[in-house]
Protein backbone atom coordinates (compact mmCIF):
# COMPACT_ATOMS: atom_id res chain seq x y z
CA MET A 1 17.61 -0.74 -0.05
CA GLN A 2 16.79 1.34 2.80
CA LEU A 3 13.53 2.58 3.70
CA GLU A 4 12.38 5.00 6.22
CA MET A 5 9.47 3.95 7.88
CA PRO A 6 6.99 6.38 10.07
CA ALA A 7 6.67 6.32 13.46
CA GLU A 8 3.08 5.50 13.60
CA PHE A 9 0.74 3.26 10.85
CA PRO A 10 -2.71 4.81 11.40
CA PHE A 11 -4.25 1.93 9.23
CA SER A 12 -4.12 -1.41 9.33
CA THR A 13 -5.76 -4.65 8.28
CA GLU A 14 -5.34 -8.48 7.88
CA LEU A 15 -5.19 -10.43 4.88
CA GLU A 16 -4.91 -14.28 4.15
CA VAL A 17 -2.29 -15.81 2.07
CA ARG A 18 -4.05 -17.85 -0.28
CA ILE A 19 -2.15 -20.96 -2.07
CA ALA A 20 -2.51 -18.88 -5.63
CA ASP A 21 -0.41 -16.36 -4.08
CA ILE A 22 3.02 -18.68 -3.33
CA ASN A 23 5.14 -18.97 -6.21
CA TYR A 24 7.46 -21.97 -7.67
CA GLY A 25 10.01 -21.20 -4.36
CA GLN A 26 7.04 -21.85 -2.23
CA HIS A 27 6.63 -18.44 -0.60
CA VAL A 28 4.55 -15.41 -1.61
CA GLY A 29 6.11 -14.00 -4.52
CA HIS A 30 6.55 -10.10 -5.36
CA ASP A 31 3.69 -10.29 -7.63
CA ALA A 32 1.57 -11.28 -4.58
CA MET A 33 3.01 -9.01 -2.03
CA LEU A 34 2.27 -6.00 -4.64
CA ARG A 35 -1.15 -7.30 -5.00
CA PHE A 36 -1.29 -7.62 -0.64
CA LEU A 37 -0.50 -4.04 -0.58
CA HIS A 38 -3.11 -3.15 -3.23
CA GLU A 39 -5.81 -4.34 -1.58
CA ALA A 40 -4.61 -2.77 2.08
CA ARG A 41 -4.67 0.45 0.09
CA LEU A 42 -8.03 0.52 -1.22
CA GLN A 43 -9.10 -0.58 2.42
CA MET A 44 -7.60 2.05 3.63
CA LEU A 45 -8.80 4.65 1.14
CA ARG A 46 -12.43 2.60 1.61
CA GLN A 47 -12.56 3.54 5.47
CA HIS A 48 -12.53 7.45 4.30
CA GLY A 49 -15.08 7.02 1.68
CA TYR A 50 -12.63 7.01 -1.28
CA SER A 51 -11.46 4.81 -3.66
CA GLU A 52 -8.44 5.09 -6.59
CA ILE A 53 -10.87 6.35 -8.89
CA ASP A 54 -11.91 9.12 -6.65
CA ILE A 55 -10.38 10.86 -3.94
CA GLY A 56 -12.83 13.62 -4.12
CA GLY A 57 -11.96 15.17 -7.79
CA CYS A 58 -9.52 12.87 -9.36
CA GLY A 59 -7.85 9.38 -9.36
CA LEU A 60 -4.71 7.76 -8.38
CA ILE A 61 -2.37 6.13 -10.12
CA MET A 62 0.72 4.43 -8.84
CA GLY A 63 4.23 6.14 -10.19
CA ASP A 64 6.71 3.94 -8.36
CA THR A 65 7.23 1.30 -5.92
CA THR A 66 10.11 -0.03 -3.92
CA VAL A 67 9.25 -3.37 -1.90
CA VAL A 68 11.93 -4.44 0.71
CA PHE A 69 11.81 -8.22 1.74
CA GLN A 70 12.84 -8.86 5.09
CA GLY A 71 11.48 -12.87 5.46
CA GLU A 72 9.69 -15.76 3.52
CA VAL A 73 6.06 -16.25 3.62
CA GLU A 74 4.72 -19.62 3.15
CA TYR A 75 0.97 -20.88 2.88
CA PRO A 76 -0.89 -21.05 4.99
CA ALA A 77 -0.10 -17.44 6.71
CA SER A 78 -1.80 -14.14 7.62
CA LEU A 79 -0.08 -10.68 6.95
CA ARG A 80 -0.86 -7.81 8.89
CA ILE A 81 -0.36 -4.66 6.67
CA GLU A 82 -0.15 -1.06 8.06
CA VAL A 83 -0.25 1.75 6.37
CA ALA A 84 0.47 5.28 6.15
CA VAL A 85 0.96 8.18 3.94
CA THR A 86 3.85 10.33 4.17
CA ASN A 87 5.39 13.00 1.70
CA PRO A 88 2.21 14.83 0.61
CA GLY A 89 3.05 17.30 -2.26
CA ARG A 90 0.77 19.19 -4.77
CA ALA A 91 -0.01 16.23 -6.87
CA GLY A 92 1.20 12.99 -5.27
CA PHE A 93 2.41 11.52 -1.78
CA ASP A 94 3.83 8.53 -0.43
CA MET A 95 2.28 5.07 0.75
CA MET A 96 4.50 3.48 3.17
CA TYR A 97 3.43 -0.41 4.30
CA ARG A 98 4.88 -2.27 7.37
CA VAL A 99 3.77 -5.97 6.73
CA THR A 100 4.09 -8.96 9.53
CA ASP A 101 3.21 -12.08 9.90
CA THR A 102 0.32 -12.28 12.02
CA ALA A 103 0.93 -15.61 14.06
CA SER A 104 4.62 -14.61 14.79
CA GLY A 105 4.77 -10.62 14.64
CA ARG A 106 7.81 -11.53 12.68
CA ALA A 107 8.90 -8.84 9.96
CA VAL A 108 8.05 -9.93 6.32
CA ALA A 109 8.53 -6.88 4.15
CA MET A 110 8.43 -2.85 3.91
CA ALA A 111 7.39 -1.00 1.11
CA ARG A 112 6.58 2.27 -0.17
CA THR A 113 4.27 3.54 -3.69
CA GLY A 114 4.58 6.66 -4.82
CA MET A 115 1.16 7.85 -5.50
CA ILE A 116 -0.21 10.73 -8.08
CA CYS A 117 -3.37 12.50 -8.15
CA PHE A 118 -4.12 11.70 -11.81
CA ASP A 119 -7.58 12.84 -13.68
CA TYR A 120 -8.47 9.93 -16.04
CA GLU A 121 -10.46 11.76 -18.45
CA ARG A 122 -7.55 14.38 -18.95
CA LYS A 123 -4.94 12.04 -18.77
CA ARG A 124 -2.94 13.98 -17.02
CA MET A 125 -1.70 14.56 -13.39
CA ALA A 126 -3.77 16.67 -11.13
CA ARG A 127 -3.80 18.71 -7.79
CA MET A 128 -4.57 17.16 -4.57
CA PRO A 129 -7.72 17.86 -3.00
CA GLU A 130 -7.34 19.60 -0.23
CA ALA A 131 -10.39 17.28 1.45
CA PHE A 132 -8.05 14.70 0.58
CA ARG A 133 -5.03 16.54 2.15
CA SER A 134 -6.63 16.99 5.34
CA LEU A 135 -7.01 13.54 6.30
CA PHE A 136 -2.67 13.04 6.60
């Protein structure tokens, strides 16, 4: 599978790999990678004063995800996760992630999460708030 990555990633963070992130293959498993992406997404939202529950009038819910692994990550390691928002629509957008090993700069994974604006009270999709849209 191919993911088309944006030219720029306006947000990045570094996260430490914990022993609990390692699977029986002795490397970071797919479930742990999704947790790393989730943490990076939350940090990016928090930087702008938002959360997944409130982006200025509605929340966010993940509709789908794609992770393309490019290399193994063993314990101990530190990961640099870069995040960009692409394809904004009426009620959603894509978040793109580039994951590299901090020490070596080696590519580890590329990922995309399809994020949907969601009204948790009414349990349905919502229009993206204009203030949130203007960030991207």
